[in-house]
């Protein structure tokens, strides 16, 4: 396929999950309930968080083939950064968007710019993804009118974003918030995207 990534890439799982404002490992289940914010308050808190980092792995399938890769998405008040990782954690590509211009630094040292990060990510992966919506996808805060169903805790379970259908398969407790740990998205042209977030860092 045309993407820079090879089909057999696999990213090693990262065992830690990060707490709000600081790093911490997700504790093993102990049977003792954690104090968690209700779904409505959770959405309000996350909507006000403008600095966060999500680390994990993703798999992408299209009619052209499939590929897997690691990622680090860092959101800041002034822009965003996405690192695409190889099987050993090496950086294959680094994308940045400061709101005025997007840039791509490839592993071979080549530097490219574009008006949006979507254009550059398509160069890396070989398919078009809705980059502008990805931060809200990862946080699990779709607009209320686009949520088709909620789980027993009142968290989004199925949602619509443009031509994409999202399913939140698992949440994990991070501090007092329930954060998406596994989600699946089905898009146009038979695209299938599965994202597993292994580390969350909020407020930094």
N, C-alpha and C. Protein backbone atom coordinates (compact mmCIF):
# COMPACT_ATOMS: atom_id res chain seq x y z
N UNK A 1 0.84 -1.19 0.00
CA UNK A 1 0.00 0.00 0.00
C UNK A 1 0.87 1.23 0.00
N UNK A 2 0.25 2.44 -0.19
CA UNK A 2 1.03 3.64 -0.41
C UNK A 2 1.53 4.28 0.86
N UNK A 3 1.05 3.88 1.99
CA UNK A 3 1.49 4.48 3.25
C UNK A 3 2.93 4.17 3.53
N UNK A 4 3.55 4.97 4.39
CA UNK A 4 4.94 4.76 4.75
C UNK A 4 5.10 3.57 5.67
N UNK A 5 4.05 3.17 6.38
CA UNK A 5 4.16 2.13 7.38
C UNK A 5 4.04 0.76 6.74
N UNK A 6 4.76 -0.21 7.21
CA UNK A 6 4.65 -1.58 6.74
C UNK A 6 3.48 -2.27 7.41
N UNK A 7 2.91 -3.27 6.72
CA UNK A 7 1.70 -3.92 7.20
C UNK A 7 1.94 -4.72 8.47
N UNK A 8 3.16 -5.17 8.70
CA UNK A 8 3.39 -6.07 9.84
C UNK A 8 3.90 -5.35 11.07
N UNK A 9 3.79 -4.05 11.10
CA UNK A 9 4.25 -3.32 12.28
C UNK A 9 3.36 -3.63 13.46
N UNK A 10 3.95 -3.80 14.58
CA UNK A 10 3.22 -3.99 15.83
C UNK A 10 3.93 -3.18 16.91
N UNK A 11 3.18 -2.43 17.64
CA UNK A 11 3.74 -1.62 18.72
C UNK A 11 3.62 -2.37 20.03
N UNK A 12 4.73 -2.39 20.80
CA UNK A 12 4.69 -3.03 22.11
C UNK A 12 3.79 -2.25 23.04
N UNK A 13 2.96 -2.95 23.79
CA UNK A 13 2.04 -2.29 24.72
C UNK A 13 2.81 -1.60 25.82
N UNK A 14 2.30 -0.50 26.30
CA UNK A 14 2.91 0.26 27.38
C UNK A 14 2.04 0.09 28.61
N UNK A 15 2.57 -0.41 29.72
CA UNK A 15 1.71 -0.83 30.83
C UNK A 15 1.15 0.26 31.71
N UNK A 16 1.69 1.48 31.66
CA UNK A 16 1.24 2.50 32.63
C UNK A 16 0.10 3.32 32.10
N UNK A 17 -0.76 3.78 32.99
CA UNK A 17 -1.83 4.72 32.65
C UNK A 17 -1.63 5.95 33.54
N UNK A 18 -1.75 7.14 32.96
CA UNK A 18 -1.34 8.33 33.66
C UNK A 18 -2.51 9.04 34.32
N UNK A 19 -2.28 9.54 35.52
CA UNK A 19 -3.31 10.27 36.27
C UNK A 19 -3.33 11.73 35.86
N UNK A 20 -4.39 12.41 36.25
CA UNK A 20 -4.55 13.82 35.96
C UNK A 20 -3.38 14.62 36.54
N UNK A 21 -2.61 15.25 35.62
CA UNK A 21 -1.53 16.12 36.03
C UNK A 21 -0.26 15.41 36.46
N UNK A 22 -0.22 14.08 36.52
CA UNK A 22 0.98 13.38 36.96
C UNK A 22 0.94 11.95 36.47
N UNK A 23 2.10 11.31 36.43
CA UNK A 23 2.17 9.93 35.96
C UNK A 23 1.85 8.98 37.11
N UNK A 24 1.11 7.94 36.78
CA UNK A 24 0.81 6.90 37.77
C UNK A 24 0.38 5.65 37.05
N UNK A 25 0.72 4.50 37.58
CA UNK A 25 0.32 3.25 36.98
C UNK A 25 -1.07 2.86 37.44
N UNK A 26 -1.88 2.39 36.48
CA UNK A 26 -3.23 1.96 36.81
C UNK A 26 -3.15 0.80 37.78
N UNK A 27 -3.77 0.90 38.96
CA UNK A 27 -3.67 -0.17 39.94
C UNK A 27 -4.44 -1.40 39.50
N UNK A 28 -3.99 -2.54 39.97
CA UNK A 28 -4.70 -3.78 39.68
C UNK A 28 -6.05 -3.76 40.37
N UNK A 29 -7.07 -4.40 39.75
CA UNK A 29 -8.40 -4.42 40.37
C UNK A 29 -8.34 -4.99 41.78
N UNK A 30 -8.96 -4.30 42.72
CA UNK A 30 -8.91 -4.74 44.12
C UNK A 30 -10.30 -4.98 44.69
N UNK A 31 -11.33 -4.71 43.86
CA UNK A 31 -12.69 -4.88 44.33
C UNK A 31 -13.22 -3.66 45.06
N UNK A 32 -12.38 -2.65 45.30
CA UNK A 32 -12.82 -1.43 45.99
C UNK A 32 -13.14 -0.36 44.96
N UNK A 33 -14.34 0.18 44.99
CA UNK A 33 -14.78 1.14 43.98
C UNK A 33 -13.99 2.44 44.11
N UNK A 34 -13.66 3.04 42.96
CA UNK A 34 -13.00 4.32 42.96
C UNK A 34 -14.05 5.43 42.88
N UNK A 35 -13.70 6.59 43.42
CA UNK A 35 -14.58 7.74 43.36
C UNK A 35 -14.44 8.37 41.98
N UNK A 36 -15.49 8.30 41.17
CA UNK A 36 -15.45 8.79 39.79
C UNK A 36 -16.50 9.87 39.60
N UNK A 37 -16.16 10.85 38.77
CA UNK A 37 -17.10 11.90 38.46
C UNK A 37 -18.25 11.35 37.63
N UNK A 38 -19.47 11.80 37.85
CA UNK A 38 -20.59 11.42 36.98
C UNK A 38 -20.30 11.83 35.55
N UNK A 39 -20.97 11.17 34.61
CA UNK A 39 -20.69 11.37 33.19
C UNK A 39 -20.81 12.84 32.77
N UNK A 40 -21.85 13.55 33.26
CA UNK A 40 -22.04 14.93 32.86
C UNK A 40 -20.91 15.82 33.34
N UNK A 41 -20.49 15.65 34.59
CA UNK A 41 -19.38 16.44 35.12
C UNK A 41 -18.08 16.07 34.43
N UNK A 42 -17.91 14.78 34.13
CA UNK A 42 -16.72 14.33 33.41
C UNK A 42 -16.58 15.06 32.09
N UNK A 43 -17.67 15.15 31.32
CA UNK A 43 -17.63 15.83 30.03
C UNK A 43 -17.27 17.29 30.19
N UNK A 44 -17.78 17.94 31.23
CA UNK A 44 -17.48 19.35 31.47
C UNK A 44 -16.01 19.54 31.80
N UNK A 45 -15.46 18.65 32.62
CA UNK A 45 -14.05 18.75 32.99
C UNK A 45 -13.17 18.56 31.76
N UNK A 46 -13.45 17.52 30.97
CA UNK A 46 -12.61 17.23 29.82
C UNK A 46 -12.69 18.33 28.76
N UNK A 47 -13.86 18.94 28.62
CA UNK A 47 -14.00 20.03 27.65
C UNK A 47 -13.13 21.23 28.02
N UNK A 48 -12.77 21.35 29.31
CA UNK A 48 -11.96 22.48 29.76
C UNK A 48 -10.47 22.14 29.82
N UNK A 49 -10.11 20.89 29.55
CA UNK A 49 -8.70 20.48 29.58
C UNK A 49 -8.10 20.70 28.19
N UNK A 50 -7.14 21.61 28.10
CA UNK A 50 -6.55 21.95 26.81
C UNK A 50 -5.13 21.41 26.65
N UNK A 51 -4.64 20.73 27.68
CA UNK A 51 -3.29 20.15 27.61
C UNK A 51 -3.39 18.70 28.06
N UNK A 52 -3.04 17.78 27.18
CA UNK A 52 -3.08 16.37 27.51
C UNK A 52 -2.26 15.57 26.51
N UNK A 53 -1.91 14.34 26.92
CA UNK A 53 -1.16 13.44 26.05
C UNK A 53 -1.77 12.05 26.13
N UNK A 54 -2.00 11.44 24.99
CA UNK A 54 -2.49 10.07 24.90
C UNK A 54 -1.46 9.23 24.14
N UNK A 55 -1.09 8.11 24.74
CA UNK A 55 -0.11 7.20 24.13
C UNK A 55 -0.76 5.84 23.96
N UNK A 56 -0.50 5.20 22.84
CA UNK A 56 -1.08 3.88 22.63
C UNK A 56 -0.71 3.28 21.31
N UNK A 57 -1.60 2.47 20.77
CA UNK A 57 -1.36 1.84 19.49
C UNK A 57 -2.65 1.80 18.70
N UNK A 58 -2.51 1.71 17.40
CA UNK A 58 -3.67 1.73 16.52
C UNK A 58 -3.47 0.76 15.38
N UNK A 59 -4.58 0.28 14.86
CA UNK A 59 -4.56 -0.54 13.66
C UNK A 59 -5.54 0.06 12.66
N UNK A 60 -5.14 0.05 11.41
CA UNK A 60 -5.92 0.69 10.36
C UNK A 60 -6.09 -0.29 9.22
N UNK A 61 -7.33 -0.51 8.80
CA UNK A 61 -7.62 -1.40 7.68
C UNK A 61 -8.38 -0.64 6.61
N UNK A 62 -8.00 -0.89 5.37
CA UNK A 62 -8.66 -0.30 4.22
C UNK A 62 -8.60 -1.32 3.08
N UNK A 63 -9.31 -1.06 1.98
CA UNK A 63 -9.22 -1.98 0.85
C UNK A 63 -7.79 -2.18 0.34
N UNK A 64 -6.90 -1.25 0.66
CA UNK A 64 -5.51 -1.36 0.21
C UNK A 64 -4.67 -2.28 1.09
N UNK A 65 -5.16 -2.57 2.28
CA UNK A 65 -4.38 -3.42 3.18
C UNK A 65 -4.57 -2.98 4.62
N UNK A 66 -3.68 -3.42 5.49
CA UNK A 66 -3.77 -3.09 6.91
C UNK A 66 -2.39 -2.74 7.44
N UNK A 67 -2.39 -1.99 8.51
CA UNK A 67 -1.14 -1.59 9.16
C UNK A 67 -1.41 -1.29 10.62
N UNK A 68 -0.39 -1.46 11.43
CA UNK A 68 -0.48 -1.17 12.86
C UNK A 68 0.70 -0.28 13.23
N UNK A 69 0.49 0.60 14.20
CA UNK A 69 1.54 1.53 14.58
C UNK A 69 1.27 2.07 15.97
N UNK A 70 2.32 2.52 16.61
CA UNK A 70 2.17 3.21 17.89
C UNK A 70 2.00 4.69 17.66
N UNK A 71 1.48 5.39 18.66
CA UNK A 71 1.28 6.82 18.50
C UNK A 71 1.42 7.52 19.85
N UNK A 72 1.78 8.79 19.78
CA UNK A 72 1.74 9.69 20.92
C UNK A 72 1.07 10.97 20.44
N UNK A 73 -0.12 11.26 20.95
CA UNK A 73 -0.81 12.49 20.59
C UNK A 73 -0.69 13.46 21.75
N UNK A 74 -0.10 14.62 21.49
CA UNK A 74 0.07 15.64 22.52
C UNK A 74 -0.74 16.87 22.12
N UNK A 75 -1.71 17.22 22.94
CA UNK A 75 -2.57 18.37 22.67
C UNK A 75 -2.17 19.52 23.58
N UNK A 76 -1.98 20.69 23.00
CA UNK A 76 -1.64 21.88 23.75
C UNK A 76 -2.63 22.98 23.40
N UNK A 77 -2.67 24.02 24.20
CA UNK A 77 -3.59 25.12 23.94
C UNK A 77 -3.28 25.81 22.62
N UNK A 78 -2.01 25.77 22.21
CA UNK A 78 -1.59 26.48 21.00
C UNK A 78 -1.43 25.57 19.80
N UNK A 79 -1.69 24.30 19.93
CA UNK A 79 -1.52 23.41 18.79
C UNK A 79 -1.49 21.95 19.23
N UNK A 80 -1.07 21.09 18.31
CA UNK A 80 -1.04 19.66 18.59
C UNK A 80 0.14 19.00 17.90
N UNK A 81 0.53 17.85 18.44
CA UNK A 81 1.66 17.10 17.91
C UNK A 81 1.29 15.63 17.89
N UNK A 82 1.65 14.95 16.80
CA UNK A 82 1.40 13.52 16.68
C UNK A 82 2.68 12.83 16.26
N UNK A 83 3.12 11.87 17.06
CA UNK A 83 4.26 11.04 16.68
C UNK A 83 3.76 9.65 16.30
N UNK A 84 4.19 9.15 15.14
CA UNK A 84 3.89 7.80 14.68
C UNK A 84 5.11 6.95 14.99
N UNK A 85 4.88 5.83 15.67
CA UNK A 85 5.98 5.01 16.17
C UNK A 85 6.04 3.66 15.48
N UNK A 86 7.26 3.15 15.32
CA UNK A 86 7.49 1.83 14.77
C UNK A 86 7.42 0.76 15.84
N UNK A 87 7.72 -0.49 15.48
CA UNK A 87 7.54 -1.62 16.40
C UNK A 87 8.44 -1.58 17.62
N UNK A 88 9.56 -0.88 17.54
CA UNK A 88 10.47 -0.80 18.67
C UNK A 88 10.38 0.55 19.38
N UNK A 89 9.34 1.30 19.07
CA UNK A 89 9.17 2.60 19.70
C UNK A 89 9.89 3.73 19.00
N UNK A 90 10.52 3.44 17.86
CA UNK A 90 11.22 4.47 17.11
C UNK A 90 10.23 5.39 16.41
N UNK A 91 10.57 6.66 16.29
CA UNK A 91 9.70 7.63 15.65
C UNK A 91 9.82 7.52 14.14
N UNK A 92 8.73 7.19 13.49
CA UNK A 92 8.69 7.08 12.03
C UNK A 92 8.38 8.44 11.41
N UNK A 93 7.48 9.17 12.05
CA UNK A 93 7.11 10.49 11.55
C UNK A 93 6.61 11.33 12.72
N UNK A 94 6.87 12.62 12.64
CA UNK A 94 6.39 13.56 13.66
C UNK A 94 5.64 14.69 12.96
N UNK A 95 4.39 14.87 13.35
CA UNK A 95 3.55 15.90 12.76
C UNK A 95 3.21 16.94 13.80
N UNK A 96 3.19 18.20 13.38
CA UNK A 96 2.83 19.30 14.27
C UNK A 96 1.88 20.25 13.56
N UNK A 97 1.02 20.88 14.35
CA UNK A 97 0.11 21.89 13.82
C UNK A 97 -0.01 22.99 14.87
N UNK A 98 0.42 24.20 14.51
CA UNK A 98 0.37 25.32 15.45
C UNK A 98 -0.83 26.22 15.21
N UNK A 99 -1.77 25.75 14.39
CA UNK A 99 -2.94 26.55 14.09
C UNK A 99 -2.79 27.38 12.84
N UNK A 100 -1.56 27.68 12.46
CA UNK A 100 -1.30 28.47 11.25
C UNK A 100 -0.75 27.60 10.13
N UNK A 101 0.05 26.59 10.51
CA UNK A 101 0.67 25.72 9.52
C UNK A 101 0.97 24.37 10.14
N UNK A 102 0.89 23.33 9.35
CA UNK A 102 1.23 21.98 9.80
C UNK A 102 2.56 21.57 9.18
N UNK A 103 3.30 20.76 9.92
CA UNK A 103 4.60 20.31 9.42
C UNK A 103 4.77 18.81 9.68
N UNK A 104 5.58 18.19 8.86
CA UNK A 104 5.89 16.76 8.96
C UNK A 104 7.38 16.57 8.89
N UNK A 105 7.93 15.85 9.87
CA UNK A 105 9.33 15.47 9.85
C UNK A 105 9.38 13.95 9.73
N UNK A 106 9.91 13.46 8.61
CA UNK A 106 9.99 12.03 8.38
C UNK A 106 11.28 11.46 8.97
N UNK A 107 11.31 10.14 9.13
CA UNK A 107 12.46 9.49 9.75
C UNK A 107 13.74 9.72 8.96
N UNK A 108 13.61 9.91 7.66
CA UNK A 108 14.80 10.14 6.82
C UNK A 108 15.29 11.58 6.87
N UNK A 109 14.63 12.42 7.68
CA UNK A 109 15.03 13.81 7.83
C UNK A 109 14.32 14.77 6.91
N UNK A 110 13.49 14.27 6.03
CA UNK A 110 12.77 15.15 5.12
C UNK A 110 11.71 15.93 5.87
N UNK A 111 11.61 17.21 5.56
CA UNK A 111 10.66 18.10 6.24
C UNK A 111 9.68 18.66 5.23
N UNK A 112 8.36 18.52 5.53
CA UNK A 112 7.32 19.01 4.64
C UNK A 112 6.35 19.88 5.44
N UNK A 113 5.68 20.77 4.75
CA UNK A 113 4.65 21.61 5.38
C UNK A 113 3.38 21.55 4.56
N UNK A 114 2.26 21.86 5.21
CA UNK A 114 0.95 21.90 4.55
C UNK A 114 0.03 22.79 5.37
N UNK A 115 -1.14 23.07 4.82
CA UNK A 115 -2.08 23.93 5.53
C UNK A 115 -2.74 23.22 6.70
N UNK A 116 -2.88 21.88 6.61
CA UNK A 116 -3.49 21.11 7.70
C UNK A 116 -2.71 19.83 7.94
N UNK A 117 -2.85 19.28 9.15
CA UNK A 117 -2.18 18.03 9.47
C UNK A 117 -2.81 16.85 8.74
N UNK A 118 -4.07 16.97 8.34
CA UNK A 118 -4.74 15.88 7.62
C UNK A 118 -3.99 15.52 6.35
N UNK A 119 -3.55 16.53 5.63
CA UNK A 119 -2.82 16.29 4.38
C UNK A 119 -1.55 15.51 4.64
N UNK A 120 -0.83 15.88 5.68
CA UNK A 120 0.44 15.24 5.97
C UNK A 120 0.25 13.84 6.53
N UNK A 121 -0.78 13.64 7.37
CA UNK A 121 -1.03 12.31 7.91
C UNK A 121 -1.42 11.35 6.80
N UNK A 122 -2.13 11.83 5.80
CA UNK A 122 -2.48 10.97 4.67
C UNK A 122 -1.23 10.53 3.93
N UNK A 123 -0.23 11.38 3.88
CA UNK A 123 1.04 10.99 3.26
C UNK A 123 1.69 9.86 4.03
N UNK A 124 1.60 9.91 5.36
CA UNK A 124 2.23 8.90 6.20
C UNK A 124 1.47 7.57 6.15
N UNK A 125 0.15 7.63 6.27
CA UNK A 125 -0.66 6.41 6.40
C UNK A 125 -1.25 5.92 5.08
N UNK A 126 -1.34 6.81 4.09
CA UNK A 126 -1.89 6.39 2.82
C UNK A 126 -3.39 6.49 2.71
N UNK A 127 -4.08 6.92 3.78
CA UNK A 127 -5.53 7.10 3.76
C UNK A 127 -5.86 8.39 4.50
N UNK A 128 -7.05 8.93 4.21
CA UNK A 128 -7.48 10.18 4.82
C UNK A 128 -8.24 9.90 6.11
N UNK A 129 -7.83 10.54 7.20
CA UNK A 129 -8.50 10.43 8.49
C UNK A 129 -8.96 11.81 8.94
N UNK A 130 -10.04 11.88 9.73
CA UNK A 130 -10.56 13.17 10.19
C UNK A 130 -9.75 13.71 11.37
N UNK A 131 -8.59 14.26 11.07
CA UNK A 131 -7.65 14.67 12.11
C UNK A 131 -8.26 15.71 13.04
N UNK A 132 -9.08 16.63 12.52
CA UNK A 132 -9.64 17.68 13.36
C UNK A 132 -10.53 17.11 14.46
N UNK A 133 -11.13 15.95 14.22
CA UNK A 133 -12.03 15.34 15.21
C UNK A 133 -11.31 14.38 16.15
N UNK A 134 -10.09 13.98 15.84
CA UNK A 134 -9.42 12.95 16.63
C UNK A 134 -9.26 13.31 18.11
N UNK A 135 -8.97 14.55 18.47
CA UNK A 135 -8.87 14.85 19.92
C UNK A 135 -10.15 14.53 20.68
N UNK A 136 -11.31 14.89 20.12
CA UNK A 136 -12.57 14.59 20.79
C UNK A 136 -12.87 13.09 20.76
N UNK A 137 -12.47 12.41 19.69
CA UNK A 137 -12.60 10.95 19.65
C UNK A 137 -11.87 10.34 20.83
N UNK A 138 -10.60 10.74 20.98
CA UNK A 138 -9.76 10.15 22.02
C UNK A 138 -10.30 10.45 23.42
N UNK A 139 -10.77 11.67 23.64
CA UNK A 139 -11.28 12.04 24.96
C UNK A 139 -12.64 11.41 25.24
N UNK A 140 -13.36 11.03 24.20
CA UNK A 140 -14.69 10.45 24.41
C UNK A 140 -15.72 11.49 24.79
N UNK A 141 -15.69 12.64 24.10
CA UNK A 141 -16.67 13.69 24.37
C UNK A 141 -17.32 14.16 23.06
N UNK A 142 -18.06 13.28 22.40
CA UNK A 142 -18.77 13.70 21.19
C UNK A 142 -19.90 14.65 21.52
N UNK A 143 -20.29 15.53 20.59
CA UNK A 143 -21.46 16.39 20.82
C UNK A 143 -22.67 15.53 21.16
N UNK A 144 -23.47 15.99 22.09
CA UNK A 144 -24.58 15.17 22.60
C UNK A 144 -25.54 14.74 21.49
N UNK A 145 -25.74 15.58 20.50
CA UNK A 145 -26.65 15.23 19.42
C UNK A 145 -26.13 14.15 18.50
N UNK A 146 -24.86 13.79 18.67
CA UNK A 146 -24.26 12.78 17.79
C UNK A 146 -24.05 11.45 18.51
N UNK A 147 -24.48 11.35 19.75
CA UNK A 147 -24.36 10.10 20.49
C UNK A 147 -25.61 9.26 20.27
N UNK A 148 -25.43 8.05 19.79
CA UNK A 148 -26.55 7.15 19.52
C UNK A 148 -26.94 6.33 20.74
N UNK A 149 -25.96 6.03 21.60
CA UNK A 149 -26.27 5.24 22.79
C UNK A 149 -25.22 5.50 23.86
N UNK A 150 -25.65 5.30 25.13
CA UNK A 150 -24.78 5.47 26.28
C UNK A 150 -24.70 4.13 27.01
N UNK A 151 -23.60 3.92 27.75
CA UNK A 151 -23.50 2.71 28.55
C UNK A 151 -24.20 2.91 29.89
N UNK A 152 -24.11 1.92 30.77
CA UNK A 152 -24.82 1.97 32.05
C UNK A 152 -24.35 3.12 32.93
N UNK A 153 -23.12 3.59 32.73
CA UNK A 153 -22.59 4.70 33.52
C UNK A 153 -22.89 6.05 32.90
N UNK A 154 -23.59 6.06 31.76
CA UNK A 154 -23.91 7.32 31.10
C UNK A 154 -22.82 7.82 30.19
N UNK A 155 -21.82 6.98 29.89
CA UNK A 155 -20.73 7.36 29.01
C UNK A 155 -21.08 7.03 27.56
N UNK A 156 -20.56 7.80 26.60
CA UNK A 156 -20.85 7.51 25.20
C UNK A 156 -20.43 6.09 24.83
N UNK A 157 -21.32 5.39 24.16
CA UNK A 157 -21.03 4.02 23.72
C UNK A 157 -20.95 3.94 22.21
N UNK A 158 -21.89 4.58 21.54
CA UNK A 158 -21.89 4.66 20.08
C UNK A 158 -22.18 6.11 19.69
N UNK A 159 -21.42 6.60 18.69
CA UNK A 159 -21.57 7.98 18.27
C UNK A 159 -21.30 8.10 16.77
N UNK A 160 -21.76 9.21 16.20
CA UNK A 160 -21.56 9.51 14.79
C UNK A 160 -20.75 10.80 14.66
N UNK A 161 -19.77 10.78 13.76
CA UNK A 161 -18.98 11.98 13.46
C UNK A 161 -18.85 12.07 11.95
N UNK A 162 -19.67 12.90 11.32
CA UNK A 162 -19.62 12.99 9.88
C UNK A 162 -19.96 11.63 9.27
N UNK A 163 -19.07 11.12 8.44
CA UNK A 163 -19.27 9.82 7.83
C UNK A 163 -18.71 8.67 8.63
N UNK A 164 -18.34 8.92 9.88
CA UNK A 164 -17.73 7.90 10.73
C UNK A 164 -18.69 7.44 11.82
N UNK A 165 -18.64 6.14 12.12
CA UNK A 165 -19.38 5.54 13.23
C UNK A 165 -18.37 5.10 14.29
N UNK A 166 -18.56 5.55 15.52
CA UNK A 166 -17.63 5.23 16.60
C UNK A 166 -18.28 4.31 17.62
N UNK A 167 -17.49 3.40 18.14
CA UNK A 167 -17.93 2.53 19.22
C UNK A 167 -16.86 2.53 20.31
N UNK A 168 -17.24 2.94 21.52
CA UNK A 168 -16.32 2.92 22.65
C UNK A 168 -16.45 1.57 23.35
N UNK A 169 -15.41 0.77 23.23
CA UNK A 169 -15.46 -0.61 23.71
C UNK A 169 -15.03 -0.74 25.17
N UNK A 170 -14.21 0.18 25.66
CA UNK A 170 -13.76 0.07 27.05
C UNK A 170 -13.29 1.43 27.56
N UNK A 171 -13.64 1.71 28.81
CA UNK A 171 -13.12 2.87 29.53
C UNK A 171 -12.29 2.38 30.70
N UNK A 172 -11.34 3.21 31.14
CA UNK A 172 -10.53 2.92 32.33
C UNK A 172 -10.54 4.14 33.23
N UNK A 173 -10.46 3.91 34.52
CA UNK A 173 -10.42 5.00 35.48
C UNK A 173 -9.03 5.64 35.49
N UNK A 174 -8.97 6.94 35.31
CA UNK A 174 -7.74 7.71 35.38
C UNK A 174 -7.99 8.83 36.36
N UNK A 175 -7.50 8.69 37.58
CA UNK A 175 -7.86 9.63 38.62
C UNK A 175 -9.36 9.51 38.88
N UNK A 176 -10.08 10.59 38.81
CA UNK A 176 -11.52 10.55 39.01
C UNK A 176 -12.31 10.55 37.72
N UNK A 177 -11.64 10.30 36.60
CA UNK A 177 -12.30 10.35 35.31
C UNK A 177 -12.27 8.99 34.63
N UNK A 178 -13.34 8.69 33.90
CA UNK A 178 -13.37 7.52 33.05
C UNK A 178 -12.89 7.94 31.66
N UNK A 179 -11.77 7.36 31.23
CA UNK A 179 -11.17 7.73 29.96
C UNK A 179 -11.23 6.56 28.97
N UNK A 180 -11.46 6.84 27.69
CA UNK A 180 -11.48 5.77 26.70
C UNK A 180 -10.16 5.00 26.67
N UNK A 181 -10.26 3.70 26.71
CA UNK A 181 -9.08 2.84 26.61
C UNK A 181 -9.07 2.07 25.30
N UNK A 182 -10.26 1.87 24.72
CA UNK A 182 -10.36 1.12 23.46
C UNK A 182 -11.57 1.63 22.68
N UNK A 183 -11.33 2.04 21.45
CA UNK A 183 -12.43 2.48 20.61
C UNK A 183 -12.22 2.00 19.18
N UNK A 184 -13.32 1.91 18.47
CA UNK A 184 -13.29 1.44 17.09
C UNK A 184 -14.10 2.40 16.24
N UNK A 185 -13.57 2.75 15.06
CA UNK A 185 -14.24 3.69 14.17
C UNK A 185 -14.35 3.08 12.78
N UNK A 186 -15.53 3.20 12.19
CA UNK A 186 -15.77 2.74 10.83
C UNK A 186 -16.09 3.95 9.98
N UNK A 187 -15.36 4.10 8.87
CA UNK A 187 -15.53 5.29 8.06
C UNK A 187 -15.85 5.00 6.62
N UNK A 188 -15.80 6.02 5.79
CA UNK A 188 -16.08 5.83 4.37
C UNK A 188 -15.01 4.98 3.70
N UNK A 189 -15.34 4.45 2.53
CA UNK A 189 -14.41 3.64 1.75
C UNK A 189 -13.92 2.42 2.53
N UNK A 190 -14.81 1.87 3.39
CA UNK A 190 -14.51 0.65 4.14
C UNK A 190 -13.32 0.80 5.08
N UNK A 191 -13.06 2.00 5.56
CA UNK A 191 -11.96 2.22 6.50
C UNK A 191 -12.37 1.73 7.89
N UNK A 192 -11.44 1.07 8.57
CA UNK A 192 -11.64 0.60 9.93
C UNK A 192 -10.44 1.03 10.76
N UNK A 193 -10.69 1.78 11.82
CA UNK A 193 -9.63 2.27 12.69
C UNK A 193 -9.91 1.81 14.12
N UNK A 194 -8.94 1.16 14.72
CA UNK A 194 -9.06 0.69 16.10
C UNK A 194 -7.94 1.33 16.91
N UNK A 195 -8.31 1.98 18.02
CA UNK A 195 -7.35 2.73 18.83
C UNK A 195 -7.37 2.20 20.26
N UNK A 196 -6.22 1.84 20.78
CA UNK A 196 -6.07 1.44 22.17
C UNK A 196 -5.16 2.44 22.86
N UNK A 197 -5.69 3.14 23.85
CA UNK A 197 -4.90 4.12 24.62
C UNK A 197 -4.39 3.44 25.87
N UNK A 198 -3.09 3.36 26.02
CA UNK A 198 -2.50 2.70 27.18
C UNK A 198 -2.03 3.70 28.24
N UNK A 199 -1.75 4.93 27.85
CA UNK A 199 -1.30 5.96 28.79
C UNK A 199 -2.09 7.25 28.58
N UNK A 200 -2.58 7.82 29.67
CA UNK A 200 -3.22 9.13 29.61
C UNK A 200 -2.46 10.07 30.56
N UNK A 201 -2.24 11.28 30.10
CA UNK A 201 -1.68 12.34 30.94
C UNK A 201 -2.49 13.59 30.68
N UNK A 202 -3.25 14.04 31.66
CA UNK A 202 -4.14 15.18 31.51
C UNK A 202 -3.61 16.39 32.27
N UNK A 203 -3.75 17.55 31.65
CA UNK A 203 -3.32 18.79 32.29
C UNK A 203 -1.86 19.10 32.10
N UNK A 204 -1.16 18.31 31.30
CA UNK A 204 0.27 18.58 31.07
C UNK A 204 0.56 18.57 29.59
